[in-house]
Amino acid sequence: MFKTGITQRSQPRGLSMVDRELFRTICTDAFRFLDEYKLRFIFERAEPWGYEIRYANKFVGIIVISELRDFYPYVQIAKLRSGEFPPKEGKIRLETILHSFDLDDLVGIRSKESLIPPLERKESFNAQLMESQLRHQARNLQQFAGDALSADFSVFSNLDKLVKNRAREAAMRKWGDKASQYGWS
């Protein structure tokens, strides 16, 4: 059985404990299908930047992050290492071994039109927006990531190429010819 680590720090400005409870309630309902893959709730935290919930089984981990500044829920799919979430990769280089990927990258490969459309910057946080987006991400996870949720990580090689191409392009923009010093050509 997994231990549940709950961290409570200061609440994001303008949000109350009700919002944290709402986030948890929506995730519990929207991601209920993870039970089919024996993924269980294992961790929750609230930070000034937003909320995070994690689900895991022995092989697969799911991280749901709602960043209140961006009003966007990020979902990551991780290949667990010895039953643990892998550490953050930091700066991505060509030789970096990636163990987790953003759901949006996977959906972008499989059904780009299913991605959550970008929001206008003038939108302000509200519970309906949070719920709508969390449910949208849960549907995308259920519909397009069944293989990864079943510990078939074969799609990770395509995601690895996508992420590293993006990192290479960013390095070329940032360093130009000097990017080769960091392993990019």
Protein backbone atom coordinates (compact mmCIF):
# COMPACT_ATOMS: atom_id res chain seq x y z
CA MET A 1 0.00 0.00 0.00
CA PHE A 2 1.26 3.46 -0.88
CA LYS A 3 1.70 6.14 1.74
CA THR A 4 -0.22 9.32 1.14
CA GLY A 5 1.94 12.40 1.60
CA ILE A 6 -0.13 15.52 2.07
CA THR A 7 1.67 18.81 2.25
CA GLN A 8 -0.13 21.98 3.24
CA ARG A 9 1.54 25.30 2.65
CA SER A 10 0.10 28.69 1.98
CA GLN A 11 -2.89 28.72 -0.35
CA PRO A 12 -2.63 30.46 -3.71
CA ARG A 13 -3.78 34.06 -3.47
CA GLY A 14 -7.54 34.37 -3.89
CA LEU A 15 -8.20 30.67 -3.38
CA SER A 16 -9.53 28.93 -0.34
CA MET A 17 -9.43 25.43 1.03
CA VAL A 18 -12.75 24.86 -0.79
CA ASP A 19 -10.85 25.17 -4.09
CA ARG A 20 -8.34 22.55 -3.00
CA GLU A 21 -11.21 20.31 -2.00
CA LEU A 22 -12.89 20.97 -5.34
CA PHE A 23 -9.67 20.06 -7.20
CA ARG A 24 -9.44 16.80 -5.25
CA THR A 25 -13.16 16.03 -5.78
CA ILE A 26 -13.00 16.68 -9.53
CA CYS A 27 -9.84 14.58 -9.91
CA THR A 28 -11.33 11.75 -7.86
CA ASP A 29 -14.33 11.63 -10.17
CA ALA A 30 -12.70 12.45 -13.53
CA PHE A 31 -9.74 10.09 -13.07
CA ARG A 32 -11.77 7.29 -11.50
CA PHE A 33 -11.11 5.15 -14.60
CA LEU A 34 -7.47 4.81 -13.43
CA ASP A 35 -8.78 2.09 -11.07
CA GLU A 36 -9.06 -0.14 -14.17
CA TYR A 37 -5.26 0.09 -14.46
CA LYS A 38 -4.78 -0.39 -10.71
CA LEU A 39 -3.48 3.15 -10.41
CA ARG A 40 -4.27 4.53 -6.95
CA PHE A 41 -4.16 7.99 -5.40
CA ILE A 42 -0.86 8.30 -3.53
CA PHE A 43 -0.04 11.98 -3.06
CA GLU A 44 -1.54 15.45 -2.91
CA ARG A 45 -0.23 18.92 -2.26
CA ALA A 46 -1.25 22.55 -2.46
CA GLU A 47 1.33 25.24 -3.17
CA PRO A 48 1.12 28.95 -3.95
CA TRP A 49 1.40 28.07 -7.66
CA GLY A 50 -1.41 25.47 -7.66
CA TYR A 51 -2.24 21.86 -6.90
CA GLU A 52 -0.77 18.45 -7.61
CA ILE A 53 -2.19 14.94 -7.30
CA ARG A 54 -0.35 11.71 -8.11
CA TYR A 55 -1.59 8.25 -8.94
CA ALA A 56 0.58 5.14 -9.32
CA ASN A 57 0.79 1.40 -9.56
CA LYS A 58 4.05 -0.61 -9.67
CA PHE A 59 4.96 0.51 -13.19
CA VAL A 60 3.05 3.66 -14.17
CA GLY A 61 2.66 7.04 -12.53
CA ILE A 62 0.30 9.88 -13.36
CA ILE A 63 0.85 13.44 -12.17
CA VAL A 64 -2.01 15.94 -12.44
CA ILE A 65 -0.94 19.54 -11.93
CA SER A 66 -3.21 22.55 -12.03
CA GLU A 67 -1.13 25.71 -12.27
CA LEU A 68 -3.31 28.59 -11.25
CA ARG A 69 -1.22 31.20 -13.05
CA ASP A 70 -1.79 29.47 -16.39
CA PHE A 71 -5.27 28.08 -15.61
CA TYR A 72 -4.22 24.87 -17.27
CA PRO A 73 -4.05 21.31 -15.96
CA TYR A 74 -0.91 19.42 -16.96
CA VAL A 75 -0.92 15.65 -16.92
CA GLN A 76 2.30 13.67 -17.03
CA ILE A 77 2.67 9.95 -17.65
CA ALA A 78 5.73 8.41 -16.02
CA LYS A 79 7.46 5.07 -16.29
CA LEU A 80 8.25 4.38 -12.65
CA ARG A 81 11.73 3.30 -11.65
CA SER A 82 11.67 0.66 -8.93
CA GLY A 83 8.12 1.78 -8.12
CA GLU A 84 9.19 5.42 -7.68
CA PHE A 85 8.56 8.49 -9.80
CA PRO A 86 11.69 9.42 -11.73
CA PRO A 87 13.47 12.63 -10.75
CA LYS A 88 12.97 15.69 -12.93
CA GLU A 89 15.33 15.59 -15.88
CA GLY A 90 16.47 19.19 -15.64
CA LYS A 91 18.02 20.48 -18.85
CA ILE A 92 17.33 18.05 -21.64
CA ARG A 93 20.28 16.99 -23.73
CA LEU A 94 20.55 14.44 -26.50
CA GLU A 95 21.81 11.77 -24.07
CA THR A 96 19.13 12.47 -21.42
CA ILE A 97 17.02 9.42 -20.67
CA LEU A 98 13.42 10.56 -20.35
CA HIS A 99 11.03 8.58 -18.15
CA SER A 100 7.99 10.87 -18.18
CA PHE A 101 6.08 12.80 -20.80
CA ASP A 102 3.36 15.39 -21.02
CA LEU A 103 -0.04 14.00 -22.00
CA ASP A 104 -0.44 16.88 -24.46
CA ASP A 105 2.55 15.60 -26.45
CA LEU A 106 1.01 12.13 -26.65
CA VAL A 107 -2.39 13.55 -27.65
CA GLY A 108 -0.66 15.82 -30.16
CA ILE A 109 0.79 12.75 -31.87
CA ARG A 110 -2.46 10.78 -31.82
CA SER A 111 -5.25 13.35 -32.14
CA LYS A 112 -4.11 16.98 -32.23
CA GLU A 113 -7.71 18.22 -32.49
CA SER A 114 -8.41 16.70 -29.03
CA LEU A 115 -6.01 19.06 -27.25
CA ILE A 116 -7.48 21.70 -24.94
CA PRO A 117 -7.70 24.93 -26.96
CA PRO A 118 -5.58 27.84 -25.69
CA LEU A 119 -7.25 30.26 -23.31
CA GLU A 120 -7.32 33.99 -23.66
CA ARG A 121 -5.11 35.75 -21.12
CA LYS A 122 -8.04 37.85 -19.90
CA GLU A 123 -9.76 34.79 -18.43
CA SER A 124 -9.69 34.61 -14.66
CA PHE A 125 -9.68 31.55 -12.48
CA ASN A 126 -13.03 29.99 -11.79
CA ALA A 127 -14.14 26.59 -10.63
CA GLN A 128 -16.07 25.79 -13.84
CA LEU A 129 -13.00 26.39 -15.98
CA MET A 130 -10.86 24.20 -13.72
CA GLU A 131 -13.45 21.42 -13.77
CA SER A 132 -13.94 21.57 -17.54
CA GLN A 133 -10.22 21.38 -18.24
CA LEU A 134 -9.52 18.61 -15.72
CA ARG A 135 -12.32 16.50 -17.19
CA HIS A 136 -11.01 17.18 -20.71
CA GLN A 137 -7.52 15.99 -19.71
CA ALA A 138 -8.98 12.90 -18.00
CA ARG A 139 -10.89 12.02 -21.21
CA ASN A 140 -7.72 12.49 -23.26
CA LEU A 141 -5.76 10.27 -20.88
CA GLN A 142 -8.42 7.58 -21.01
CA GLN A 143 -8.89 7.78 -24.77
CA PHE A 144 -5.31 8.12 -26.00
CA ALA A 145 -2.98 6.68 -23.34
CA GLY A 146 -4.39 3.22 -22.65
CA ASP A 147 -1.19 1.56 -23.84
CA ALA A 148 1.03 3.59 -21.51
CA LEU A 149 -1.44 3.14 -18.64
CA SER A 150 -1.08 -0.62 -19.22
CA ALA A 151 2.73 -0.27 -18.94
CA ASP A 152 3.28 -0.54 -22.71
CA PHE A 153 5.73 2.31 -23.09
CA SER A 154 6.50 1.79 -26.78
CA VAL A 155 5.06 5.25 -27.60
CA PHE A 156 7.72 6.78 -25.34
CA SER A 157 10.35 6.44 -28.10
CA ASN A 158 8.24 8.73 -30.35
CA LEU A 159 7.68 11.13 -27.45
CA ASP A 160 11.42 11.10 -26.68
CA LYS A 161 12.18 12.19 -30.26
CA LEU A 162 9.53 14.91 -30.11
CA VAL A 163 10.78 16.36 -26.81
CA LYS A 164 14.44 16.21 -27.85
CA ASN A 165 13.69 17.86 -31.21
CA ARG A 166 11.96 20.65 -29.31
CA ALA A 167 14.94 20.91 -26.92
CA ARG A 168 17.37 20.97 -29.87
CA GLU A 169 15.40 23.77 -31.56
CA ALA A 170 15.35 25.76 -28.31
CA ALA A 171 19.11 25.26 -27.87
CA MET A 172 19.78 26.39 -31.44
CA ARG A 173 17.67 29.53 -30.89
CA LYS A 174 19.39 30.27 -27.59
CA TRP A 175 23.02 29.44 -28.40
CA GLY A 176 23.20 29.29 -32.18
CA ASP A 177 26.45 27.65 -33.30
CA LYS A 178 27.51 27.18 -29.67
CA ALA A 179 24.68 24.62 -29.22
CA SER A 180 27.09 21.98 -30.53
CA GLN A 181 29.14 22.45 -27.35
CA TYR A 182 26.12 21.12 -25.48
CA GLY A 183 25.68 18.12 -27.75
CA TRP A 184 23.19 19.62 -30.21
CA SER A 185 23.88 19.82 -33.92
